[in-house]
């Protein structure tokens, strides 16, 4: 496939032959069985901060909607969805003013989104969720994210020693666990 950008973040659609890839300035939808680009969506990747100065949007990951009709991702500092088949040049704003933090993941059911600094959003309600016991970040870090298939539990990273924080989304609390240590095993 001749891609118009470097492949960044990748996600599969409900139709397993389609893949979406996000770069800093564009989003590309591929049909991997046919080996063709189906659509390329443009999005801004930098903005003016003053006379002759710019800064970059931290766009991050994108995903297909649960039905595969839309691509969901950041457009400027908002969450948007694109009807990539019928109106690829017209992003629809879902949630305005997310701040300039990259999206680091979506739950499998597409109901939740996590941004850098452990900002968790309920996409159905269109608002940020407060999680009891969840440690946020002052900086735009925290790239770790995982979710159970049913989206009842998520894992993000703790800011000091980067160990996992397990979130029960049903009761909006961090699960109490013994401190986890991780070990890297290397073979020589």
C-alpha atoms as a PDB file:
ATOM      1  CA  UNK A   1       0.000   0.000   0.000  1.00  0.00           C
ATOM      2  CA  UNK A   2       1.359   3.379  -0.945  1.00  0.00           C
ATOM      3  CA  UNK A   3       0.670   5.421   2.187  1.00  0.00           C
ATOM      4  CA  UNK A   4       0.709   9.243   2.161  1.00  0.00           C
ATOM      5  CA  UNK A   5       2.353   9.380   5.621  1.00  0.00           C
ATOM      6  CA  UNK A   6       4.309   7.340   8.085  1.00  0.00           C
ATOM      7  CA  UNK A   7       2.059   4.891   9.875  1.00  0.00           C
ATOM      8  CA  UNK A   8       1.589   6.107  13.407  1.00  0.00           C
ATOM      9  CA  UNK A   9      -1.208   4.829  15.582  1.00  0.00           C
ATOM     10  CA  UNK A  10      -3.165   1.967  14.016  1.00  0.00           C
ATOM     11  CA  UNK A  11      -6.633   0.542  14.735  1.00  0.00           C
ATOM     12  CA  UNK A  12      -8.830  -2.063  13.011  1.00  0.00           C
ATOM     13  CA  UNK A  13     -12.442  -1.472  12.042  1.00  0.00           C
ATOM     14  CA  UNK A  14     -15.323  -3.813  12.851  1.00  0.00           C
ATOM     15  CA  UNK A  15     -14.883  -4.873   9.206  1.00  0.00           C
ATOM     16  CA  UNK A  16     -11.517  -6.566   9.675  1.00  0.00           C
ATOM     17  CA  UNK A  17     -10.228  -5.566   6.237  1.00  0.00           C
ATOM     18  CA  UNK A  18     -10.097  -1.852   7.144  1.00  0.00           C
ATOM     19  CA  UNK A  19      -7.338  -0.167   9.153  1.00  0.00           C
ATOM     20  CA  UNK A  20      -7.004   3.462  10.238  1.00  0.00           C
ATOM     21  CA  UNK A  21      -3.577   5.027  10.759  1.00  0.00           C
ATOM     22  CA  UNK A  22      -2.963   8.435  12.317  1.00  0.00           C
ATOM     23  CA  UNK A  23      -0.041  10.707  11.641  1.00  0.00           C
ATOM     24  CA  UNK A  24       0.437  14.235  12.896  1.00  0.00           C
ATOM     25  CA  UNK A  25      -1.368  15.985  10.003  1.00  0.00           C
ATOM     26  CA  UNK A  26      -3.520  13.283   8.437  1.00  0.00           C
ATOM     27  CA  UNK A  27      -5.513  10.141   9.071  1.00  0.00           C
ATOM     28  CA  UNK A  28      -5.501   7.350   6.493  1.00  0.00           C
ATOM     29  CA  UNK A  29      -7.998   4.530   6.056  1.00  0.00           C
ATOM     30  CA  UNK A  30      -6.640   1.448   4.272  1.00  0.00           C
ATOM     31  CA  UNK A  31      -8.329  -1.627   2.832  1.00  0.00           C
ATOM     32  CA  UNK A  32      -5.588  -4.116   3.643  1.00  0.00           C
ATOM     33  CA  UNK A  33      -7.148  -6.957   1.628  1.00  0.00           C
ATOM     34  CA  UNK A  34      -7.409  -4.884  -1.557  1.00  0.00           C
ATOM     35  CA  UNK A  35      -4.152  -3.051  -0.838  1.00  0.00           C
ATOM     36  CA  UNK A  36      -5.624   0.423  -1.412  1.00  0.00           C
ATOM     37  CA  UNK A  37      -6.067   3.698   0.424  1.00  0.00           C
ATOM     38  CA  UNK A  38      -9.800   4.303   0.919  1.00  0.00           C
ATOM     39  CA  UNK A  39      -9.610   7.847   2.337  1.00  0.00           C
ATOM     40  CA  UNK A  40      -7.217  10.451   3.701  1.00  0.00           C
ATOM     41  CA  UNK A  41      -8.510  12.935   6.268  1.00  0.00           C
ATOM     42  CA  UNK A  42      -6.618  16.142   7.005  1.00  0.00           C
ATOM     43  CA  UNK A  43      -6.269  17.717  10.411  1.00  0.00           C
ATOM     44  CA  UNK A  44      -4.174  20.617  11.705  1.00  0.00           C
ATOM     45  CA  UNK A  45      -0.908  19.661  13.357  1.00  0.00           C
ATOM     46  CA  UNK A  46       0.344  23.064  14.502  1.00  0.00           C
ATOM     47  CA  UNK A  47      -1.056  26.421  15.562  1.00  0.00           C
ATOM     48  CA  UNK A  48       0.166  30.003  15.998  1.00  0.00           C
ATOM     49  CA  UNK A  49       1.299  30.951  19.492  1.00  0.00           C
ATOM     50  CA  UNK A  50       2.415  34.439  18.578  1.00  0.00           C
ATOM     51  CA  UNK A  51       3.986  36.417  15.741  1.00  0.00           C
ATOM     52  CA  UNK A  52       6.141  34.015  13.701  1.00  0.00           C
ATOM     53  CA  UNK A  53       5.913  31.219  16.305  1.00  0.00           C
ATOM     54  CA  UNK A  54       3.965  27.972  16.285  1.00  0.00           C
ATOM     55  CA  UNK A  55       3.468  24.949  18.491  1.00  0.00           C
ATOM     56  CA  UNK A  56       2.204  21.453  17.732  1.00  0.00           C
ATOM     57  CA  UNK A  57      -1.100  19.800  18.507  1.00  0.00           C
ATOM     58  CA  UNK A  58      -0.676  16.548  20.402  1.00  0.00           C
ATOM     59  CA  UNK A  59      -3.205  14.556  18.392  1.00  0.00           C
ATOM     60  CA  UNK A  60      -2.483  10.957  19.345  1.00  0.00           C
ATOM     61  CA  UNK A  61      -4.561   7.918  18.526  1.00  0.00           C
ATOM     62  CA  UNK A  62      -7.691   7.572  16.427  1.00  0.00           C
ATOM     63  CA  UNK A  63     -10.251   4.783  16.230  1.00  0.00           C
ATOM     64  CA  UNK A  64     -13.226   3.579  14.263  1.00  0.00           C
ATOM     65  CA  UNK A  65     -16.627   4.063  15.886  1.00  0.00           C
ATOM     66  CA  UNK A  66     -18.260   0.850  17.109  1.00  0.00           C
ATOM     67  CA  UNK A  67     -20.285   0.625  13.876  1.00  0.00           C
ATOM     68  CA  UNK A  68     -17.296   1.508  11.641  1.00  0.00           C
ATOM     69  CA  UNK A  69     -19.080   4.506  10.109  1.00  0.00           C
ATOM     70  CA  UNK A  70     -16.913   7.186  11.725  1.00  0.00           C
ATOM     71  CA  UNK A  71     -13.285   7.862  12.556  1.00  0.00           C
ATOM     72  CA  UNK A  72     -12.913   9.386  16.034  1.00  0.00           C
ATOM     73  CA  UNK A  73      -9.885  11.473  17.018  1.00  0.00           C
ATOM     74  CA  UNK A  74      -8.579  14.918  17.859  1.00  0.00           C
ATOM     75  CA  UNK A  75      -9.138  17.874  15.571  1.00  0.00           C
ATOM     76  CA  UNK A  76      -7.316  20.897  16.919  1.00  0.00           C
ATOM     77  CA  UNK A  77      -8.029  20.646  20.667  1.00  0.00           C
ATOM     78  CA  UNK A  78     -11.445  19.013  20.320  1.00  0.00           C
ATOM     79  CA  UNK A  79     -12.652  15.456  19.919  1.00  0.00           C
ATOM     80  CA  UNK A  80     -14.214  15.007  16.498  1.00  0.00           C
ATOM     81  CA  UNK A  81     -15.671  12.325  14.318  1.00  0.00           C
ATOM     82  CA  UNK A  82     -15.416  12.101  10.565  1.00  0.00           C
ATOM     83  CA  UNK A  83     -17.967  10.372   8.338  1.00  0.00           C
ATOM     84  CA  UNK A  84     -15.001   9.126   6.351  1.00  0.00           C
ATOM     85  CA  UNK A  85     -17.016   7.623   3.483  1.00  0.00           C
ATOM     86  CA  UNK A  86     -19.464  10.498   2.846  1.00  0.00           C
ATOM     87  CA  UNK A  87     -17.983  13.704   4.286  1.00  0.00           C
ATOM     88  CA  UNK A  88     -14.251  13.195   4.938  1.00  0.00           C
ATOM     89  CA  UNK A  89     -13.524  16.954   4.903  1.00  0.00           C
ATOM     90  CA  UNK A  90     -16.139  17.829   7.535  1.00  0.00           C
ATOM     91  CA  UNK A  91     -15.157  16.805  11.076  1.00  0.00           C
ATOM     92  CA  UNK A  92     -18.031  17.012  13.550  1.00  0.00           C
ATOM     93  CA  UNK A  93     -17.006  18.199  17.024  1.00  0.00           C
ATOM     94  CA  UNK A  94     -18.144  15.756  19.733  1.00  0.00           C
ATOM     95  CA  UNK A  95     -16.404  17.331  22.739  1.00  0.00           C
ATOM     96  CA  UNK A  96     -14.884  20.809  22.565  1.00  0.00           C
ATOM     97  CA  UNK A  97     -11.762  22.022  24.345  1.00  0.00           C
ATOM     98  CA  UNK A  98      -9.962  18.854  25.437  1.00  0.00           C
ATOM     99  CA  UNK A  99      -6.731  20.742  25.917  1.00  0.00           C
ATOM    100  CA  UNK A 100      -3.515  19.976  24.078  1.00  0.00           C
ATOM    101  CA  UNK A 101      -3.002  16.426  25.352  1.00  0.00           C
ATOM    102  CA  UNK A 102      -2.658  13.439  23.043  1.00  0.00           C
ATOM    103  CA  UNK A 103      -5.259  10.696  23.048  1.00  0.00           C
ATOM    104  CA  UNK A 104      -3.568   7.523  24.328  1.00  0.00           C
ATOM    105  CA  UNK A 105      -6.434   5.086  23.996  1.00  0.00           C
ATOM    106  CA  UNK A 106     -10.088   4.212  23.526  1.00  0.00           C
ATOM    107  CA  UNK A 107     -12.023   1.461  25.266  1.00  0.00           C
ATOM    108  CA  UNK A 108     -12.998  -1.443  22.982  1.00  0.00           C
ATOM    109  CA  UNK A 109     -16.683  -0.439  23.143  1.00  0.00           C
ATOM    110  CA  UNK A 110     -15.731   3.179  22.244  1.00  0.00           C
ATOM    111  CA  UNK A 111     -17.492   4.535  25.340  1.00  0.00           C
ATOM    112  CA  UNK A 112     -14.339   5.883  27.005  1.00  0.00           C
ATOM    113  CA  UNK A 113     -11.181   7.711  25.982  1.00  0.00           C
ATOM    114  CA  UNK A 114      -7.960   8.396  27.894  1.00  0.00           C
ATOM    115  CA  UNK A 115      -5.665  11.351  27.252  1.00  0.00           C
ATOM    116  CA  UNK A 116      -2.147  11.971  28.475  1.00  0.00           C
ATOM    117  CA  UNK A 117      -2.022  12.904  32.166  1.00  0.00           C
ATOM    118  CA  UNK A 118      -4.717  10.262  32.941  1.00  0.00           C
ATOM    119  CA  UNK A 119      -7.623  12.400  31.746  1.00  0.00           C
ATOM    120  CA  UNK A 120     -10.526   9.975  31.343  1.00  0.00           C
ATOM    121  CA  UNK A 121     -13.582  10.914  29.258  1.00  0.00           C
ATOM    122  CA  UNK A 122     -17.044   9.367  28.963  1.00  0.00           C
ATOM    123  CA  UNK A 123     -17.788   9.746  25.248  1.00  0.00           C
ATOM    124  CA  UNK A 124     -21.517   9.067  25.579  1.00  0.00           C
ATOM    125  CA  UNK A 125     -21.957  11.822  28.173  1.00  0.00           C
ATOM    126  CA  UNK A 126     -19.348  14.069  26.537  1.00  0.00           C
ATOM    127  CA  UNK A 127     -17.586  14.898  29.779  1.00  0.00           C
ATOM    128  CA  UNK A 128     -14.484  14.162  31.781  1.00  0.00           C
ATOM    129  CA  UNK A 129     -14.868  11.542  34.511  1.00  0.00           C
ATOM    130  CA  UNK A 130     -13.585  11.912  38.016  1.00  0.00           C
ATOM    131  CA  UNK A 131     -12.101   8.668  39.363  1.00  0.00           C
ATOM    132  CA  UNK A 132     -11.644   8.349  43.120  1.00  0.00           C
ATOM    133  CA  UNK A 133      -7.981   7.616  43.869  1.00  0.00           C
ATOM    134  CA  UNK A 134      -6.702   8.258  40.325  1.00  0.00           C
ATOM    135  CA  UNK A 135      -3.426  10.130  40.260  1.00  0.00           C
ATOM    136  CA  UNK A 136      -3.127  12.753  37.533  1.00  0.00           C
ATOM    137  CA  UNK A 137      -0.029  14.256  36.040  1.00  0.00           C
ATOM    138  CA  UNK A 138       1.175  17.818  35.969  1.00  0.00           C
ATOM    139  CA  UNK A 139       3.015  17.182  32.713  1.00  0.00           C
ATOM    140  CA  UNK A 140       1.669  15.721  29.485  1.00  0.00           C
ATOM    141  CA  UNK A 141       3.059  12.257  30.084  1.00  0.00           C
ATOM    142  CA  UNK A 142       1.400   8.908  30.848  1.00  0.00           C
ATOM    143  CA  UNK A 143       1.401   6.886  27.679  1.00  0.00           C
ATOM    144  CA  UNK A 144       0.295   3.596  29.221  1.00  0.00           C
ATOM    145  CA  UNK A 145      -3.279   2.432  28.760  1.00  0.00           C
ATOM    146  CA  UNK A 146      -5.175  -0.865  28.483  1.00  0.00           C
ATOM    147  CA  UNK A 147      -8.790  -1.934  28.858  1.00  0.00           C
ATOM    148  CA  UNK A 148     -10.734  -5.132  29.403  1.00  0.00           C
ATOM    149  CA  UNK A 149     -12.819  -6.210  26.410  1.00  0.00           C
ATOM    150  CA  UNK A 150     -16.038  -5.246  28.171  1.00  0.00           C
ATOM    151  CA  UNK A 151     -14.542  -1.906  29.290  1.00  0.00           C
ATOM    152  CA  UNK A 152     -15.364  -2.531  32.962  1.00  0.00           C
ATOM    153  CA  UNK A 153     -11.720  -2.073  33.961  1.00  0.00           C
ATOM    154  CA  UNK A 154      -8.937   0.133  32.605  1.00  0.00           C
ATOM    155  CA  UNK A 155      -5.282   0.382  33.445  1.00  0.00           C
ATOM    156  CA  UNK A 156      -3.301   3.637  33.323  1.00  0.00           C
ATOM    157  CA  UNK A 157       0.124   4.491  34.688  1.00  0.00           C
ATOM    158  CA  UNK A 158       0.889   6.107  38.042  1.00  0.00           C
ATOM    159  CA  UNK A 159       2.973   9.292  37.673  1.00  0.00           C
ATOM    160  CA  UNK A 160       5.822   8.738  40.152  1.00  0.00           C
ATOM    161  CA  UNK A 161       7.071   5.216  39.493  1.00  0.00           C
ATOM    162  CA  UNK A 162       4.910   4.398  36.423  1.00  0.00           C
ATOM    163  CA  UNK A 163       3.288   1.325  37.940  1.00  0.00           C
ATOM    164  CA  UNK A 164      -0.220   0.326  36.838  1.00  0.00           C
ATOM    165  CA  UNK A 165      -3.334   1.909  38.326  1.00  0.00           C
ATOM    166  CA  UNK A 166      -6.399  -0.309  37.811  1.00  0.00           C
ATOM    167  CA  UNK A 167      -9.696   1.550  37.425  1.00  0.00           C
ATOM    168  CA  UNK A 168     -13.107   0.012  38.030  1.00  0.00           C
ATOM    169  CA  UNK A 169     -15.283   2.044  35.659  1.00  0.00           C
ATOM    170  CA  UNK A 170     -18.545   0.815  37.141  1.00  0.00           C
ATOM    171  CA  UNK A 171     -17.939   2.442  40.537  1.00  0.00           C
ATOM    172  CA  UNK A 172     -15.435   5.099  39.294  1.00  0.00           C
ATOM    173  CA  UNK A 173     -12.648   4.091  41.700  1.00  0.00           C
ATOM    174  CA  UNK A 174      -9.063   2.947  41.515  1.00  0.00           C
ATOM    175  CA  UNK A 175      -8.911  -0.672  42.628  1.00  0.00           C
ATOM    176  CA  UNK A 176      -6.833  -1.225  45.746  1.00  0.00           C
ATOM    177  CA  UNK A 177      -3.938  -3.535  45.011  1.00  0.00           C
ATOM    178  CA  UNK A 178      -0.635  -4.420  46.539  1.00  0.00           C
ATOM    179  CA  UNK A 179       2.144  -2.417  44.948  1.00  0.00           C
ATOM    180  CA  UNK A 180       3.126  -4.128  41.724  1.00  0.00           C
ATOM    181  CA  UNK A 181       6.715  -4.384  40.716  1.00  0.00           C
ATOM    182  CA  UNK A 182       7.804  -5.167  37.256  1.00  0.00           C
ATOM    183  CA  UNK A 183      10.888  -7.038  36.202  1.00  0.00           C
ATOM    184  CA  UNK A 184      12.685  -7.042  32.904  1.00  0.00           C
ATOM    185  CA  UNK A 185      14.183 -10.384  32.062  1.00  0.00           C
ATOM    186  CA  UNK A 186      16.988 -10.360  29.562  1.00  0.00           C
ATOM    187  CA  UNK A 187      18.720 -13.321  28.026  1.00  0.00           C
ATOM    188  CA  UNK A 188      22.321 -13.131  27.019  1.00  0.00           C
END
